[in-house]
Amino acid sequence: MGAEPEKPLLKKYRLTVEDYHRMGETGILSEDTRVELLHGEIIERSPINSPHAGAVNKLNKLLSKLFGDQAVISVQNPIELGPDSEPEPDIAVLKMRSDLYSDAHPRAEDILLVIEVAGSSLQKDRQVKMPLYAEAGIPEAWVIDLEGKTIEVYSSPTPEGYSRIDIYRRGDVLETGMVKGVEAGQIL
């Protein structure tokens, strides 16, 4: 006789964005809980150290200057990607909207660029967040690798991931779909 297939040890319950918001509204998740919803699972966010905060501040200043009133620079705020994901990228460059997204979180079609600043979160950013952003159709995403001192630019999204990755180091000049003529050292 054949062996019966093994049953999973744990049965997981996947949350929707709506469930996740309800948890916040009822106090199950407090505002200072550092988590985000990725593929229906609540994932802890890494602590923000000084190099990470400084890199986000540099990016905010640089992108605000580059885009001016042509885009909204959103810093560590939620974006809604489908029914079961609400990541909080370090930076999201959004299409300009008169309400500045106070009526609803931005969705994939509102997003021009997302940026993750990575220290201890490097593996999660590369293996979980970049595929999520590609699947949502976000045209460009960056990982700023603080330890490796590189800027990874992901473009040409497909449902399986980004089909193009360009790496920039100090001395290189960024020439991406969204940012042109910026020396990588201004970010790193």
C-alpha atoms as a PDB file:
ATOM      1  CA  MET A   1       0.000   0.000   0.000  1.00  0.00           C
ATOM      2  CA  GLY A   2       1.136   3.558  -0.803  1.00  0.00           C
ATOM      3  CA  ALA A   3       1.912   5.979   1.947  1.00  0.00           C
ATOM      4  CA  GLU A   4      -0.602   8.721   2.589  1.00  0.00           C
ATOM      5  CA  PRO A   5       0.601  12.212   1.661  1.00  0.00           C
ATOM      6  CA  GLU A   6       1.747  14.137   4.700  1.00  0.00           C
ATOM      7  CA  LYS A   7      -0.519  16.860   5.991  1.00  0.00           C
ATOM      8  CA  PRO A   8       1.112  20.246   6.555  1.00  0.00           C
ATOM      9  CA  LEU A   9       2.291  20.714  10.128  1.00  0.00           C
ATOM     10  CA  LEU A  10       0.821  24.188  10.298  1.00  0.00           C
ATOM     11  CA  LYS A  11      -2.176  25.630   8.558  1.00  0.00           C
ATOM     12  CA  LYS A  12      -1.569  29.269   7.692  1.00  0.00           C
ATOM     13  CA  TYR A  13      -4.253  31.902   7.517  1.00  0.00           C
ATOM     14  CA  ARG A  14      -3.510  34.561   4.915  1.00  0.00           C
ATOM     15  CA  LEU A  15      -4.680  38.081   5.691  1.00  0.00           C
ATOM     16  CA  THR A  16      -6.109  40.583   3.267  1.00  0.00           C
ATOM     17  CA  VAL A  17      -5.250  44.272   3.352  1.00  0.00           C
ATOM     18  CA  GLU A  18      -8.746  44.796   4.769  1.00  0.00           C
ATOM     19  CA  ASP A  19      -8.054  42.297   7.610  1.00  0.00           C
ATOM     20  CA  TYR A  20      -4.719  43.984   8.277  1.00  0.00           C
ATOM     21  CA  HIS A  21      -6.329  47.436   8.530  1.00  0.00           C
ATOM     22  CA  ARG A  22      -9.015  46.071  10.847  1.00  0.00           C
ATOM     23  CA  MET A  23      -6.279  44.709  13.129  1.00  0.00           C
ATOM     24  CA  GLY A  24      -4.826  48.206  13.359  1.00  0.00           C
ATOM     25  CA  GLU A  25      -8.218  49.840  13.937  1.00  0.00           C
ATOM     26  CA  THR A  26      -9.072  47.463  16.785  1.00  0.00           C
ATOM     27  CA  GLY A  27      -5.695  47.872  18.473  1.00  0.00           C
ATOM     28  CA  ILE A  28      -4.358  44.376  17.759  1.00  0.00           C
ATOM     29  CA  LEU A  29      -1.531  46.094  15.900  1.00  0.00           C
ATOM     30  CA  SER A  30      -0.463  49.372  17.462  1.00  0.00           C
ATOM     31  CA  GLU A  31       0.859  52.246  15.362  1.00  0.00           C
ATOM     32  CA  ASP A  32       4.371  51.724  16.698  1.00  0.00           C
ATOM     33  CA  THR A  33       4.445  48.037  15.701  1.00  0.00           C
ATOM     34  CA  ARG A  34       7.037  47.809  12.904  1.00  0.00           C
ATOM     35  CA  VAL A  35       5.388  45.340  10.522  1.00  0.00           C
ATOM     36  CA  GLU A  36       4.120  45.199   6.958  1.00  0.00           C
ATOM     37  CA  LEU A  37       1.798  42.865   5.063  1.00  0.00           C
ATOM     38  CA  LEU A  38       3.528  40.828   2.333  1.00  0.00           C
ATOM     39  CA  HIS A  39       1.648  38.114   0.439  1.00  0.00           C
ATOM     40  CA  GLY A  40      -0.935  37.849   3.216  1.00  0.00           C
ATOM     41  CA  GLU A  41       1.597  37.463   6.032  1.00  0.00           C
ATOM     42  CA  ILE A  42       2.531  40.019   8.696  1.00  0.00           C
ATOM     43  CA  ILE A  43       6.303  40.472   8.479  1.00  0.00           C
ATOM     44  CA  GLU A  44       8.451  42.306  11.004  1.00  0.00           C
ATOM     45  CA  ARG A  45      10.343  45.304   9.628  1.00  0.00           C
ATOM     46  CA  SER A  46      14.011  45.807  10.437  1.00  0.00           C
ATOM     47  CA  PRO A  47      14.996  48.510  12.925  1.00  0.00           C
ATOM     48  CA  ILE A  48      16.224  51.774  11.409  1.00  0.00           C
ATOM     49  CA  ASN A  49      19.834  52.558  12.320  1.00  0.00           C
ATOM     50  CA  SER A  50      21.652  55.839  11.641  1.00  0.00           C
ATOM     51  CA  PRO A  51      23.222  54.853   8.263  1.00  0.00           C
ATOM     52  CA  HIS A  52      19.788  53.691   7.050  1.00  0.00           C
ATOM     53  CA  ALA A  53      18.053  56.872   8.238  1.00  0.00           C
ATOM     54  CA  GLY A  54      20.773  59.034   6.698  1.00  0.00           C
ATOM     55  CA  ALA A  55      20.462  57.262   3.327  1.00  0.00           C
ATOM     56  CA  VAL A  56      16.678  57.733   3.340  1.00  0.00           C
ATOM     57  CA  ASN A  57      17.130  61.425   4.193  1.00  0.00           C
ATOM     58  CA  LYS A  58      19.656  61.869   1.346  1.00  0.00           C
ATOM     59  CA  LEU A  59      17.308  60.158  -1.105  1.00  0.00           C
ATOM     60  CA  ASN A  60      14.341  62.233   0.044  1.00  0.00           C
ATOM     61  CA  LYS A  61      16.292  65.468  -0.410  1.00  0.00           C
ATOM     62  CA  LEU A  62      17.727  64.438  -3.798  1.00  0.00           C
ATOM     63  CA  LEU A  63      14.456  63.115  -5.247  1.00  0.00           C
ATOM     64  CA  SER A  64      12.465  66.113  -3.967  1.00  0.00           C
ATOM     65  CA  LYS A  65      14.909  68.377  -5.785  1.00  0.00           C
ATOM     66  CA  LEU A  66      14.851  66.245  -8.983  1.00  0.00           C
ATOM     67  CA  PHE A  67      11.074  65.845  -9.210  1.00  0.00           C
ATOM     68  CA  GLY A  68       9.888  69.084  -7.614  1.00  0.00           C
ATOM     69  CA  ASP A  69       6.125  69.398  -8.017  1.00  0.00           C
ATOM     70  CA  GLN A  70       6.025  66.686 -10.707  1.00  0.00           C
ATOM     71  CA  ALA A  71       5.774  63.788  -8.214  1.00  0.00           C
ATOM     72  CA  VAL A  72       5.078  62.982  -4.570  1.00  0.00           C
ATOM     73  CA  ILE A  73       8.043  61.611  -2.610  1.00  0.00           C
ATOM     74  CA  SER A  74       6.591  59.284   0.008  1.00  0.00           C
ATOM     75  CA  VAL A  75       8.901  58.234   2.851  1.00  0.00           C
ATOM     76  CA  GLN A  76       8.268  54.943   4.686  1.00  0.00           C
ATOM     77  CA  ASN A  77       4.531  55.005   3.998  1.00  0.00           C
ATOM     78  CA  PRO A  78       2.303  52.113   2.903  1.00  0.00           C
ATOM     79  CA  ILE A  79       1.519  51.244  -0.695  1.00  0.00           C
ATOM     80  CA  GLU A  80      -1.287  48.846  -1.540  1.00  0.00           C
ATOM     81  CA  LEU A  81      -0.362  46.045  -3.933  1.00  0.00           C
ATOM     82  CA  GLY A  82      -3.352  43.827  -4.545  1.00  0.00           C
ATOM     83  CA  PRO A  83      -5.640  42.299  -1.962  1.00  0.00           C
ATOM     84  CA  ASP A  84      -2.930  40.817   0.287  1.00  0.00           C
ATOM     85  CA  SER A  85       0.137  43.081   0.295  1.00  0.00           C
ATOM     86  CA  GLU A  86       0.802  46.469   1.851  1.00  0.00           C
ATOM     87  CA  PRO A  87       4.563  46.992   1.993  1.00  0.00           C
ATOM     88  CA  GLU A  88       6.160  50.160   3.335  1.00  0.00           C
ATOM     89  CA  PRO A  89       9.116  50.942   1.074  1.00  0.00           C
ATOM     90  CA  ASP A  90      11.697  53.402   2.326  1.00  0.00           C
ATOM     91  CA  ILE A  91      10.885  55.714  -0.596  1.00  0.00           C
ATOM     92  CA  ALA A  92       8.105  55.651  -3.172  1.00  0.00           C
ATOM     93  CA  VAL A  93       8.006  58.173  -6.001  1.00  0.00           C
ATOM     94  CA  LEU A  94       4.333  58.624  -6.834  1.00  0.00           C
ATOM     95  CA  LYS A  95       2.378  60.275  -9.609  1.00  0.00           C
ATOM     96  CA  MET A  96       1.227  63.720  -8.523  1.00  0.00           C
ATOM     97  CA  ARG A  97      -2.289  63.738  -7.132  1.00  0.00           C
ATOM     98  CA  SER A  98      -4.112  66.752  -5.738  1.00  0.00           C
ATOM     99  CA  ASP A  99      -4.975  65.030  -2.415  1.00  0.00           C
ATOM    100  CA  LEU A 100      -1.341  63.886  -1.972  1.00  0.00           C
ATOM    101  CA  TYR A 101      -2.751  60.407  -1.231  1.00  0.00           C
ATOM    102  CA  SER A 102      -4.660  61.443   1.883  1.00  0.00           C
ATOM    103  CA  ASP A 103      -7.859  59.806   0.535  1.00  0.00           C
ATOM    104  CA  ALA A 104      -6.290  56.380  -0.159  1.00  0.00           C
ATOM    105  CA  HIS A 105      -2.909  54.668  -0.155  1.00  0.00           C
ATOM    106  CA  PRO A 106      -1.163  54.612  -3.526  1.00  0.00           C
ATOM    107  CA  ARG A 107      -1.643  51.516  -5.650  1.00  0.00           C
ATOM    108  CA  ALA A 108       0.693  49.981  -8.217  1.00  0.00           C
ATOM    109  CA  GLU A 109      -0.577  52.200 -11.038  1.00  0.00           C
ATOM    110  CA  ASP A 110       0.310  55.317  -8.978  1.00  0.00           C
ATOM    111  CA  ILE A 111       3.926  54.293  -8.388  1.00  0.00           C
ATOM    112  CA  LEU A 112       6.815  55.388 -10.598  1.00  0.00           C
ATOM    113  CA  LEU A 113       9.693  54.108  -8.451  1.00  0.00           C
ATOM    114  CA  VAL A 114      10.186  52.308  -5.134  1.00  0.00           C
ATOM    115  CA  ILE A 115      13.426  52.257  -3.178  1.00  0.00           C
ATOM    116  CA  GLU A 116      14.485  49.946  -0.357  1.00  0.00           C
ATOM    117  CA  VAL A 117      17.515  50.907   1.726  1.00  0.00           C
ATOM    118  CA  ALA A 118      19.041  47.643   2.875  1.00  0.00           C
ATOM    119  CA  GLY A 119      21.290  46.726   5.735  1.00  0.00           C
ATOM    120  CA  SER A 120      20.041  43.644   7.563  1.00  0.00           C
ATOM    121  CA  SER A 121      16.989  43.511   5.251  1.00  0.00           C
ATOM    122  CA  LEU A 122      19.027  42.903   2.063  1.00  0.00           C
ATOM    123  CA  GLN A 123      17.948  39.291   1.524  1.00  0.00           C
ATOM    124  CA  LYS A 124      14.254  40.075   2.156  1.00  0.00           C
ATOM    125  CA  ASP A 125      14.399  43.105  -0.148  1.00  0.00           C
ATOM    126  CA  ARG A 126      15.961  41.111  -2.989  1.00  0.00           C
ATOM    127  CA  GLN A 127      14.048  37.855  -2.610  1.00  0.00           C
ATOM    128  CA  VAL A 128      10.628  38.997  -1.408  1.00  0.00           C
ATOM    129  CA  LYS A 129      10.052  42.674  -2.118  1.00  0.00           C
ATOM    130  CA  MET A 130      11.608  42.985  -5.593  1.00  0.00           C
ATOM    131  CA  PRO A 131       9.521  40.070  -6.979  1.00  0.00           C
ATOM    132  CA  LEU A 132       6.419  41.565  -5.309  1.00  0.00           C
ATOM    133  CA  TYR A 133       7.060  44.957  -6.925  1.00  0.00           C
ATOM    134  CA  ALA A 134       7.707  43.344 -10.324  1.00  0.00           C
ATOM    135  CA  GLU A 135       4.549  41.241 -10.098  1.00  0.00           C
ATOM    136  CA  ALA A 136       2.583  44.437  -9.353  1.00  0.00           C
ATOM    137  CA  GLY A 137       4.068  46.043 -12.497  1.00  0.00           C
ATOM    138  CA  ILE A 138       6.012  48.820 -10.772  1.00  0.00           C
ATOM    139  CA  PRO A 139       8.290  50.058 -13.572  1.00  0.00           C
ATOM    140  CA  GLU A 140      11.422  50.619 -11.514  1.00  0.00           C
ATOM    141  CA  ALA A 141      12.678  49.558  -8.075  1.00  0.00           C
ATOM    142  CA  TRP A 142      16.004  50.086  -6.343  1.00  0.00           C
ATOM    143  CA  VAL A 143      17.847  48.335  -3.554  1.00  0.00           C
ATOM    144  CA  ILE A 144      20.473  50.516  -1.885  1.00  0.00           C
ATOM    145  CA  ASP A 145      22.935  48.009  -0.402  1.00  0.00           C
ATOM    146  CA  LEU A 146      24.571  49.969   2.420  1.00  0.00           C
ATOM    147  CA  GLU A 147      27.192  47.326   3.195  1.00  0.00           C
ATOM    148  CA  GLY A 148      28.102  46.545  -0.415  1.00  0.00           C
ATOM    149  CA  LYS A 149      27.913  50.251  -1.316  1.00  0.00           C
ATOM    150  CA  THR A 150      25.883  49.597  -4.468  1.00  0.00           C
ATOM    151  CA  ILE A 151      22.630  50.730  -5.995  1.00  0.00           C
ATOM    152  CA  GLU A 152      20.749  47.885  -7.668  1.00  0.00           C
ATOM    153  CA  VAL A 153      18.278  49.199 -10.238  1.00  0.00           C
ATOM    154  CA  TYR A 154      15.538  46.742 -11.211  1.00  0.00           C
ATOM    155  CA  SER A 155      13.496  47.465 -14.359  1.00  0.00           C
ATOM    156  CA  SER A 156      11.367  45.775 -17.024  1.00  0.00           C
ATOM    157  CA  PRO A 157       8.898  44.063 -14.664  1.00  0.00           C
ATOM    158  CA  THR A 158       7.290  40.728 -15.522  1.00  0.00           C
ATOM    159  CA  PRO A 159       5.023  38.516 -13.392  1.00  0.00           C
ATOM    160  CA  GLU A 160       8.125  36.390 -12.630  1.00  0.00           C
ATOM    161  CA  GLY A 161      10.355  39.302 -11.558  1.00  0.00           C
ATOM    162  CA  TYR A 162      12.356  42.121 -13.065  1.00  0.00           C
ATOM    163  CA  SER A 163      14.109  41.132 -16.277  1.00  0.00           C
ATOM    164  CA  ARG A 164      16.842  43.759 -15.979  1.00  0.00           C
ATOM    165  CA  ILE A 165      19.139  44.600 -13.062  1.00  0.00           C
ATOM    166  CA  ASP A 166      21.828  47.281 -13.324  1.00  0.00           C
ATOM    167  CA  ILE A 167      24.406  47.807 -10.578  1.00  0.00           C
ATOM    168  CA  TYR A 168      25.871  51.250  -9.820  1.00  0.00           C
ATOM    169  CA  ARG A 169      28.839  52.067  -7.575  1.00  0.00           C
ATOM    170  CA  ARG A 170      30.513  55.308  -6.455  1.00  0.00           C
ATOM    171  CA  GLY A 171      31.745  57.160  -9.519  1.00  0.00           C
ATOM    172  CA  ASP A 172      29.010  55.699 -11.752  1.00  0.00           C
ATOM    173  CA  VAL A 173      26.320  57.999 -13.116  1.00  0.00           C
ATOM    174  CA  LEU A 174      22.765  56.714 -12.859  1.00  0.00           C
ATOM    175  CA  GLU A 175      20.940  56.492 -16.169  1.00  0.00           C
ATOM    176  CA  THR A 176      17.639  54.814 -15.318  1.00  0.00           C
ATOM    177  CA  GLY A 177      14.114  55.206 -16.569  1.00  0.00           C
ATOM    178  CA  MET A 178      13.352  57.629 -13.730  1.00  0.00           C
ATOM    179  CA  VAL A 179      16.669  59.224 -12.771  1.00  0.00           C
ATOM    180  CA  LYS A 180      19.377  60.469 -15.123  1.00  0.00           C
ATOM    181  CA  GLY A 181      22.690  62.188 -14.497  1.00  0.00           C
ATOM    182  CA  VAL A 182      22.967  61.548 -10.748  1.00  0.00           C
ATOM    183  CA  GLU A 183      26.338  60.334  -9.491  1.00  0.00           C
ATOM    184  CA  ALA A 184      25.902  57.236  -7.307  1.00  0.00           C
ATOM    185  CA  GLY A 185      28.079  58.797  -4.583  1.00  0.00           C
ATOM    186  CA  GLN A 186      25.340  61.361  -3.953  1.00  0.00           C
ATOM    187  CA  ILE A 187      23.219  58.459  -2.671  1.00  0.00           C
ATOM    188  CA  LEU A 188      25.750  56.016  -1.197  1.00  0.00           C
END
